[in-house]
PDB file of N, CA and C in Angstrom:
ATOM      1  N   UNK A   1      87.715 111.733  79.596  1.00  0.00           N
ATOM      2  CA  UNK A   1      88.167 112.614  80.641  1.00  0.00           C
ATOM      3  C   UNK A   1      88.419 111.792  81.908  1.00  0.00           C
ATOM      4  N   UNK A   2      89.498 112.121  82.608  1.00  0.00           N
ATOM      5  CA  UNK A   2      89.820 111.471  83.867  1.00  0.00           C
ATOM      6  C   UNK A   2      89.601 112.444  85.002  1.00  0.00           C
ATOM      7  N   UNK A   3      89.083 111.930  86.117  1.00  0.00           N
ATOM      8  CA  UNK A   3      88.858 112.764  87.295  1.00  0.00           C
ATOM      9  C   UNK A   3      89.525 112.135  88.487  1.00  0.00           C
ATOM     10  N   UNK A   4      90.052 112.979  89.353  1.00  0.00           N
ATOM     11  CA  UNK A   4      90.636 112.560  90.612  1.00  0.00           C
ATOM     12  C   UNK A   4      89.682 113.033  91.699  1.00  0.00           C
ATOM     13  N   UNK A   5      89.278 112.117  92.585  1.00  0.00           N
ATOM     14  CA  UNK A   5      88.343 112.465  93.642  1.00  0.00           C
ATOM     15  C   UNK A   5      88.877 112.015  94.987  1.00  0.00           C
ATOM     16  N   UNK A   6      88.758 112.874  95.965  1.00  0.00           N
ATOM     17  CA  UNK A   6      89.126 112.536  97.333  1.00  0.00           C
ATOM     18  C   UNK A   6      87.886 112.063  98.061  1.00  0.00           C
ATOM     19  N   UNK A   7      87.818 110.793  98.382  1.00  0.00           N
ATOM     20  CA  UNK A   7      86.671 110.264  99.112  1.00  0.00           C
ATOM     21  C   UNK A   7      86.645 110.792 100.538  1.00  0.00           C
ATOM     22  N   UNK A   8      87.802 111.008 101.133  1.00  0.00           N
ATOM     23  CA  UNK A   8      87.867 111.522 102.500  1.00  0.00           C
ATOM     24  C   UNK A   8      87.280 112.921 102.594  1.00  0.00           C
ATOM     25  N   UNK A   9      87.316 113.661 101.513  1.00  0.00           N
ATOM     26  CA  UNK A   9      86.818 115.032 101.505  1.00  0.00           C
ATOM     27  C   UNK A   9      85.435 115.127 100.889  1.00  0.00           C
ATOM     28  N   UNK A  10      84.806 114.012 100.640  1.00  0.00           N
ATOM     29  CA  UNK A  10      83.460 114.041 100.079  1.00  0.00           C
ATOM     30  C   UNK A  10      83.466 114.246  98.588  1.00  0.00           C
ATOM     31  N   UNK A  11      82.980 115.405  98.138  1.00  0.00           N
ATOM     32  CA  UNK A  11      82.754 115.596  96.710  1.00  0.00           C
ATOM     33  C   UNK A  11      83.822 116.429  96.014  1.00  0.00           C
ATOM     34  N   UNK A  12      85.032 116.523  96.588  1.00  0.00           N
ATOM     35  CA  UNK A  12      86.085 117.284  95.920  1.00  0.00           C
ATOM     36  C   UNK A  12      86.603 116.475  94.733  1.00  0.00           C
ATOM     37  N   UNK A  13      86.499 117.056  93.554  1.00  0.00           N
ATOM     38  CA  UNK A  13      86.998 116.400  92.345  1.00  0.00           C
ATOM     39  C   UNK A  13      87.759 117.413  91.501  1.00  0.00           C
ATOM     40  N   UNK A  14      88.624 116.876  90.661  1.00  0.00           N
ATOM     41  CA  UNK A  14      89.358 117.718  89.712  1.00  0.00           C
ATOM     42  C   UNK A  14      89.546 116.918  88.429  1.00  0.00           C
ATOM     43  N   UNK A  15      89.366 117.575  87.299  1.00  0.00           N
ATOM     44  CA  UNK A  15      89.627 116.930  86.021  1.00  0.00           C
ATOM     45  C   UNK A  15      91.130 116.930  85.801  1.00  0.00           C
ATOM     46  N   UNK A  16      91.672 115.768  85.477  1.00  0.00           N
ATOM     47  CA  UNK A  16      93.114 115.656  85.271  1.00  0.00           C
ATOM     48  C   UNK A  16      93.487 116.039  83.845  1.00  0.00           C
ATOM     49  N   UNK A  17      94.591 116.748  83.743  1.00  0.00           N
ATOM     50  CA  UNK A  17      95.154 117.109  82.447  1.00  0.00           C
ATOM     51  C   UNK A  17      96.523 116.469  82.334  1.00  0.00           C
ATOM     52  N   UNK A  18      97.041 116.367  81.132  1.00  0.00           N
ATOM     53  CA  UNK A  18      98.374 115.809  80.922  1.00  0.00           C
ATOM     54  C   UNK A  18      99.372 116.501  81.836  1.00  0.00           C
ATOM     55  N   UNK A  19     100.288 115.732  82.383  1.00  0.00           N
ATOM     56  CA  UNK A  19     101.323 116.307  83.227  1.00  0.00           C
ATOM     57  C   UNK A  19     101.062 116.078  84.699  1.00  0.00           C
ATOM     58  N   UNK A  20     101.468 117.059  85.518  1.00  0.00           N
ATOM     59  CA  UNK A  20     101.469 116.935  86.981  1.00  0.00           C
ATOM     60  C   UNK A  20     100.304 117.693  87.610  1.00  0.00           C
ATOM     61  N   UNK A  21      99.656 117.052  88.588  1.00  0.00           N
ATOM     62  CA  UNK A  21      98.620 117.671  89.399  1.00  0.00           C
ATOM     63  C   UNK A  21      99.053 117.539  90.849  1.00  0.00           C
ATOM     64  N   UNK A  22      99.156 118.662  91.562  1.00  0.00           N
ATOM     65  CA  UNK A  22      99.587 118.627  92.961  1.00  0.00           C
ATOM     66  C   UNK A  22      98.380 118.514  93.891  1.00  0.00           C
ATOM     67  N   UNK A  23      98.599 117.813  95.027  1.00  0.00           N
ATOM     68  CA  UNK A  23      97.540 117.560  95.996  1.00  0.00           C
ATOM     69  C   UNK A  23      98.053 117.898  97.385  1.00  0.00           C
ATOM     70  N   UNK A  24      97.271 118.624  98.165  1.00  0.00           N
ATOM     71  CA  UNK A  24      97.654 118.945  99.536  1.00  0.00           C
ATOM     72  C   UNK A  24      96.835 120.088 100.099  1.00  0.00           C
ATOM     73  N   UNK A  25      97.197 120.535 101.294  1.00  0.00           N
ATOM     74  CA  UNK A  25      96.461 121.587 101.993  1.00  0.00           C
ATOM     75  C   UNK A  25      96.813 122.992 101.509  1.00  0.00           C
ATOM     76  N   UNK A  26      98.018 123.194 101.015  1.00  0.00           N
ATOM     77  CA  UNK A  26      98.466 124.522 100.591  1.00  0.00           C
ATOM     78  C   UNK A  26      97.611 125.043  99.428  1.00  0.00           C
ATOM     79  N   UNK A  27      97.228 126.316  99.458  1.00  0.00           N
ATOM     80  CA  UNK A  27      96.404 126.889  98.384  1.00  0.00           C
ATOM     81  C   UNK A  27      97.054 126.852  97.000  1.00  0.00           C
ATOM     82  N   UNK A  28      98.354 126.619  96.916  1.00  0.00           N
ATOM     83  CA  UNK A  28      99.020 126.560  95.609  1.00  0.00           C
ATOM     84  C   UNK A  28      98.771 125.237  94.885  1.00  0.00           C
ATOM     85  N   UNK A  29      98.198 124.242  95.563  1.00  0.00           N
ATOM     86  CA  UNK A  29      97.932 122.940  94.947  1.00  0.00           C
ATOM     87  C   UNK A  29      96.792 123.014  93.948  1.00  0.00           C
ATOM     88  N   UNK A  30      96.783 122.058  93.030  1.00  0.00           N
ATOM     89  CA  UNK A  30      95.679 121.950  92.077  1.00  0.00           C
ATOM     90  C   UNK A  30      94.436 121.377  92.752  1.00  0.00           C
ATOM     91  N   UNK A  31      94.618 120.381  93.632  1.00  0.00           N
ATOM     92  CA  UNK A  31      93.535 119.792  94.420  1.00  0.00           C
ATOM     93  C   UNK A  31      93.835 120.116  95.877  1.00  0.00           C
ATOM     94  N   UNK A  32      93.047 121.006  96.465  1.00  0.00           N
ATOM     95  CA  UNK A  32      93.289 121.484  97.825  1.00  0.00           C
ATOM     96  C   UNK A  32      92.421 120.700  98.797  1.00  0.00           C
ATOM     97  N   UNK A  33      93.073 120.084  99.799  1.00  0.00           N
ATOM     98  CA  UNK A  33      92.385 119.319 100.837  1.00  0.00           C
ATOM     99  C   UNK A  33      92.414 120.138 102.118  1.00  0.00           C
ATOM    100  N   UNK A  34      91.282 120.676 102.489  1.00  0.00           N
ATOM    101  CA  UNK A  34      91.200 121.582 103.639  1.00  0.00           C
ATOM    102  C   UNK A  34      91.038 120.786 104.926  1.00  0.00           C
ATOM    103  N   UNK A  35      92.158 120.276 105.414  1.00  0.00           N
ATOM    104  CA  UNK A  35      92.190 119.478 106.637  1.00  0.00           C
ATOM    105  C   UNK A  35      93.549 119.708 107.283  1.00  0.00           C
ATOM    106  N   UNK A  36      93.562 120.148 108.537  1.00  0.00           N
ATOM    107  CA  UNK A  36      94.824 120.460 109.216  1.00  0.00           C
ATOM    108  C   UNK A  36      95.749 119.255 109.337  1.00  0.00           C
ATOM    109  N   UNK A  37      95.229 118.055 109.206  1.00  0.00           N
ATOM    110  CA  UNK A  37      96.065 116.849 109.284  1.00  0.00           C
ATOM    111  C   UNK A  37      96.799 116.555 107.983  1.00  0.00           C
ATOM    112  N   UNK A  38      96.424 117.228 106.914  1.00  0.00           N
ATOM    113  CA  UNK A  38      97.018 117.008 105.594  1.00  0.00           C
ATOM    114  C   UNK A  38      98.208 117.939 105.411  1.00  0.00           C
ATOM    115  N   UNK A  39      99.291 117.416 104.871  1.00  0.00           N
ATOM    116  CA  UNK A  39     100.483 118.223 104.591  1.00  0.00           C
ATOM    117  C   UNK A  39     100.177 119.278 103.534  1.00  0.00           C
ATOM    118  N   UNK A  40     100.947 120.358 103.578  1.00  0.00           N
ATOM    119  CA  UNK A  40     100.778 121.419 102.599  1.00  0.00           C
ATOM    120  C   UNK A  40     100.975 120.932 101.174  1.00  0.00           C
ATOM    121  N   UNK A  41     102.006 120.147 100.963  1.00  0.00           N
ATOM    122  CA  UNK A  41     102.286 119.525  99.664  1.00  0.00           C
ATOM    123  C   UNK A  41     102.331 118.020  99.894  1.00  0.00           C
ATOM    124  N   UNK A  42     101.248 117.337  99.665  1.00  0.00           N
ATOM    125  CA  UNK A  42     101.088 115.933 100.036  1.00  0.00           C
ATOM    126  C   UNK A  42     101.581 114.958  98.972  1.00  0.00           C
ATOM    127  N   UNK A  43     101.093 115.119  97.755  1.00  0.00           N
ATOM    128  CA  UNK A  43     101.383 114.151  96.696  1.00  0.00           C
ATOM    129  C   UNK A  43     101.282 114.830  95.336  1.00  0.00           C
ATOM    130  N   UNK A  44     101.761 114.123  94.323  1.00  0.00           N
ATOM    131  CA  UNK A  44     101.621 114.588  92.945  1.00  0.00           C
ATOM    132  C   UNK A  44     101.052 113.447  92.118  1.00  0.00           C
ATOM    133  N   UNK A  45     100.151 113.792  91.225  1.00  0.00           N
ATOM    134  CA  UNK A  45      99.549 112.821  90.314  1.00  0.00           C
ATOM    135  C   UNK A  45     100.030 113.176  88.916  1.00  0.00           C
ATOM    136  N   UNK A  46     100.486 112.162  88.204  1.00  0.00           N
ATOM    137  CA  UNK A  46     101.005 112.357  86.849  1.00  0.00           C
ATOM    138  C   UNK A  46     100.116 111.629  85.853  1.00  0.00           C
ATOM    139  N   UNK A  47      99.650 112.353  84.847  1.00  0.00           N
ATOM    140  CA  UNK A  47      98.815 111.782  83.793  1.00  0.00           C
ATOM    141  C   UNK A  47      99.623 111.726  82.511  1.00  0.00           C
ATOM    142  N   UNK A  48      99.777 110.522  81.997  1.00  0.00           N
ATOM    143  CA  UNK A  48     100.431 110.308  80.707  1.00  0.00           C
ATOM    144  C   UNK A  48      99.401 109.680  79.776  1.00  0.00           C
ATOM    145  N   UNK A  49      99.757 109.479  78.542  1.00  0.00           N
ATOM    146  CA  UNK A  49      98.819 108.941  77.558  1.00  0.00           C
ATOM    147  C   UNK A  49      98.298 107.563  77.942  1.00  0.00           C
ATOM    148  N   UNK A  50      99.127 106.759  78.617  1.00  0.00           N
ATOM    149  CA  UNK A  50      98.727 105.377  78.887  1.00  0.00           C
ATOM    150  C   UNK A  50      98.590 105.020  80.360  1.00  0.00           C
ATOM    151  N   UNK A  51      98.767 106.002  81.291  1.00  0.00           N
ATOM    152  CA  UNK A  51      98.677 105.660  82.712  1.00  0.00           C
ATOM    153  C   UNK A  51      98.516 106.912  83.572  1.00  0.00           C
ATOM    154  N   UNK A  52      98.068 106.673  84.809  1.00  0.00           N
ATOM    155  CA  UNK A  52      97.991 107.707  85.830  1.00  0.00           C
ATOM    156  C   UNK A  52      98.764 107.189  87.034  1.00  0.00           C
ATOM    157  N   UNK A  53      99.709 107.992  87.532  1.00  0.00           N
ATOM    158  CA  UNK A  53     100.530 107.581  88.667  1.00  0.00           C
ATOM    159  C   UNK A  53     100.455 108.620  89.771  1.00  0.00           C
ATOM    160  N   UNK A  54     100.618 108.163  91.023  1.00  0.00           N
ATOM    161  CA  UNK A  54     100.681 109.057  92.168  1.00  0.00           C
ATOM    162  C   UNK A  54     102.024 108.852  92.859  1.00  0.00           C
ATOM    163  N   UNK A  55     102.580 109.946  93.373  1.00  0.00           N
ATOM    164  CA  UNK A  55     103.862 109.918  94.076  1.00  0.00           C
ATOM    165  C   UNK A  55     103.695 110.672  95.380  1.00  0.00           C
ATOM    166  N   UNK A  56     104.066 110.030  96.505  1.00  0.00           N
ATOM    167  CA  UNK A  56     104.092 110.711  97.791  1.00  0.00           C
ATOM    168  C   UNK A  56     105.265 111.682  97.774  1.00  0.00           C
ATOM    169  N   UNK A  57     105.084 112.866  98.323  1.00  0.00           N
ATOM    170  CA  UNK A  57     106.145 113.872  98.304  1.00  0.00           C
ATOM    171  C   UNK A  57     106.986 113.855  99.577  1.00  0.00           C
ATOM    172  N   UNK A  58     107.097 112.692 100.209  1.00  0.00           N
ATOM    173  CA  UNK A  58     108.016 112.509 101.321  1.00  0.00           C
ATOM    174  C   UNK A  58     107.522 113.011 102.660  1.00  0.00           C
ATOM    175  N   UNK A  59     106.253 113.088 102.856  1.00  0.00           N
ATOM    176  CA  UNK A  59     105.715 113.527 104.128  1.00  0.00           C
ATOM    177  C   UNK A  59     105.862 112.443 105.176  1.00  0.00           C
ATOM    178  N   UNK A  60     106.030 112.834 106.434  1.00  0.00           N
ATOM    179  CA  UNK A  60     106.285 111.868 107.507  1.00  0.00           C
ATOM    180  C   UNK A  60     105.137 110.887 107.702  1.00  0.00           C
ATOM    181  N   UNK A  61     103.911 111.320 107.454  1.00  0.00           N
ATOM    182  CA  UNK A  61     102.769 110.423 107.637  1.00  0.00           C
ATOM    183  C   UNK A  61     102.354 109.737 106.344  1.00  0.00           C
ATOM    184  N   UNK A  62     103.052 109.998 105.266  1.00  0.00           N
ATOM    185  CA  UNK A  62     102.841 109.287 104.003  1.00  0.00           C
ATOM    186  C   UNK A  62     101.526 109.600 103.313  1.00  0.00           C
ATOM    187  N   UNK A  63     101.351 108.955 102.183  1.00  0.00           N
ATOM    188  CA  UNK A  63     100.143 109.057 101.370  1.00  0.00           C
ATOM    189  C   UNK A  63      99.596 107.654 101.189  1.00  0.00           C
ATOM    190  N   UNK A  64      98.280 107.523 101.252  1.00  0.00           N
ATOM    191  CA  UNK A  64      97.648 106.211 101.082  1.00  0.00           C
ATOM    192  C   UNK A  64      96.663 106.240  99.924  1.00  0.00           C
ATOM    193  N   UNK A  65      96.556 105.089  99.252  1.00  0.00           N
ATOM    194  CA  UNK A  65      95.554 104.869  98.222  1.00  0.00           C
ATOM    195  C   UNK A  65      94.837 103.582  98.600  1.00  0.00           C
ATOM    196  N   UNK A  66      93.538 103.663  98.786  1.00  0.00           N
ATOM    197  CA  UNK A  66      92.735 102.508  99.214  1.00  0.00           C
ATOM    198  C   UNK A  66      93.307 101.858 100.471  1.00  0.00           C
ATOM    199  N   UNK A  67      93.779 102.685 101.408  1.00  0.00           N
ATOM    200  CA  UNK A  67      94.279 102.195 102.687  1.00  0.00           C
ATOM    201  C   UNK A  67      95.687 101.633 102.670  1.00  0.00           C
ATOM    202  N   UNK A  68      96.372 101.721 101.528  1.00  0.00           N
ATOM    203  CA  UNK A  68      97.733 101.191 101.419  1.00  0.00           C
ATOM    204  C   UNK A  68      98.715 102.334 101.146  1.00  0.00           C
ATOM    205  N   UNK A  69      99.858 102.286 101.847  1.00  0.00           N
ATOM    206  CA  UNK A  69     100.864 103.338 101.700  1.00  0.00           C
ATOM    207  C   UNK A  69     101.448 103.356 100.289  1.00  0.00           C
ATOM    208  N   UNK A  70     101.659 104.562  99.775  1.00  0.00           N
ATOM    209  CA  UNK A  70     102.296 104.747  98.471  1.00  0.00           C
ATOM    210  C   UNK A  70     103.805 104.760  98.684  1.00  0.00           C
ATOM    211  N   UNK A  71     104.490 103.924  97.951  1.00  0.00           N
ATOM    212  CA  UNK A  71     105.945 103.866  98.004  1.00  0.00           C
ATOM    213  C   UNK A  71     106.459 104.040  96.584  1.00  0.00           C
ATOM    214  N   UNK A  72     107.213 105.098  96.349  1.00  0.00           N
ATOM    215  CA  UNK A  72     107.658 105.376  94.981  1.00  0.00           C
ATOM    216  C   UNK A  72     106.480 105.843  94.153  1.00  0.00           C
ATOM    217  N   UNK A  73     106.431 105.417  92.912  1.00  0.00           N
ATOM    218  CA  UNK A  73     105.306 105.742  92.019  1.00  0.00           C
ATOM    219  C   UNK A  73     104.323 104.583  92.023  1.00  0.00           C
ATOM    220  N   UNK A  74     103.059 104.908  92.167  1.00  0.00           N
ATOM    221  CA  UNK A  74     102.002 103.901  92.160  1.00  0.00           C
ATOM    222  C   UNK A  74     101.076 104.199  90.994  1.00  0.00           C
ATOM    223  N   UNK A  75     100.850 103.200  90.139  1.00  0.00           N
ATOM    224  CA  UNK A  75      99.914 103.354  89.029  1.00  0.00           C
ATOM    225  C   UNK A  75      98.494 103.228  89.576  1.00  0.00           C
ATOM    226  N   UNK A  76      97.661 104.244  89.295  1.00  0.00           N
ATOM    227  CA  UNK A  76      96.285 104.236  89.749  1.00  0.00           C
ATOM    228  C   UNK A  76      95.397 103.496  88.759  1.00  0.00           C
ATOM    229  N   UNK A  77      94.411 102.819  89.297  1.00  0.00           N
ATOM    230  CA  UNK A  77      93.444 102.097  88.456  1.00  0.00           C
ATOM    231  C   UNK A  77      92.133 102.844  88.494  1.00  0.00           C
ATOM    232  N   UNK A  78      91.436 102.915  87.366  1.00  0.00           N
ATOM    233  CA  UNK A  78      90.173 103.664  87.328  1.00  0.00           C
ATOM    234  C   UNK A  78      89.079 102.981  88.153  1.00  0.00           C
ATOM    235  N   UNK A  79      88.194 103.811  88.662  1.00  0.00           N
ATOM    236  CA  UNK A  79      87.024 103.338  89.396  1.00  0.00           C
ATOM    237  C   UNK A  79      85.796 103.585  88.529  1.00  0.00           C
ATOM    238  N   UNK A  80      84.829 102.731  88.664  1.00  0.00           N
ATOM    239  CA  UNK A  80      83.589 102.887  87.890  1.00  0.00           C
ATOM    240  C   UNK A  80      82.582 103.735  88.627  1.00  0.00           C
ATOM    241  N   UNK A  81      82.910 104.209  89.836  1.00  0.00           N
ATOM    242  CA  UNK A  81      81.938 104.991  90.608  1.00  0.00           C
ATOM    243  C   UNK A  81      82.164 106.461  90.464  1.00  0.00           C
TER     244      UNK A  81
END
């Protein structure tokens, strides 16, 4: 099982399923980040059989992973924590 966790939000986690998982402040997202600084539709995470990728959805302030801006599709690496 793969999990996506927002460290900025503390203990918010979601189990990833095949396909697309949406991330953002809007209640329609799969992973909801309750912070007024977060865009309604921030990013999308894609789970395939052999990889997990994140895509910024074009927000003006961008999306970051480990402090680095996401440009295009970024393959995520698993964490042991």
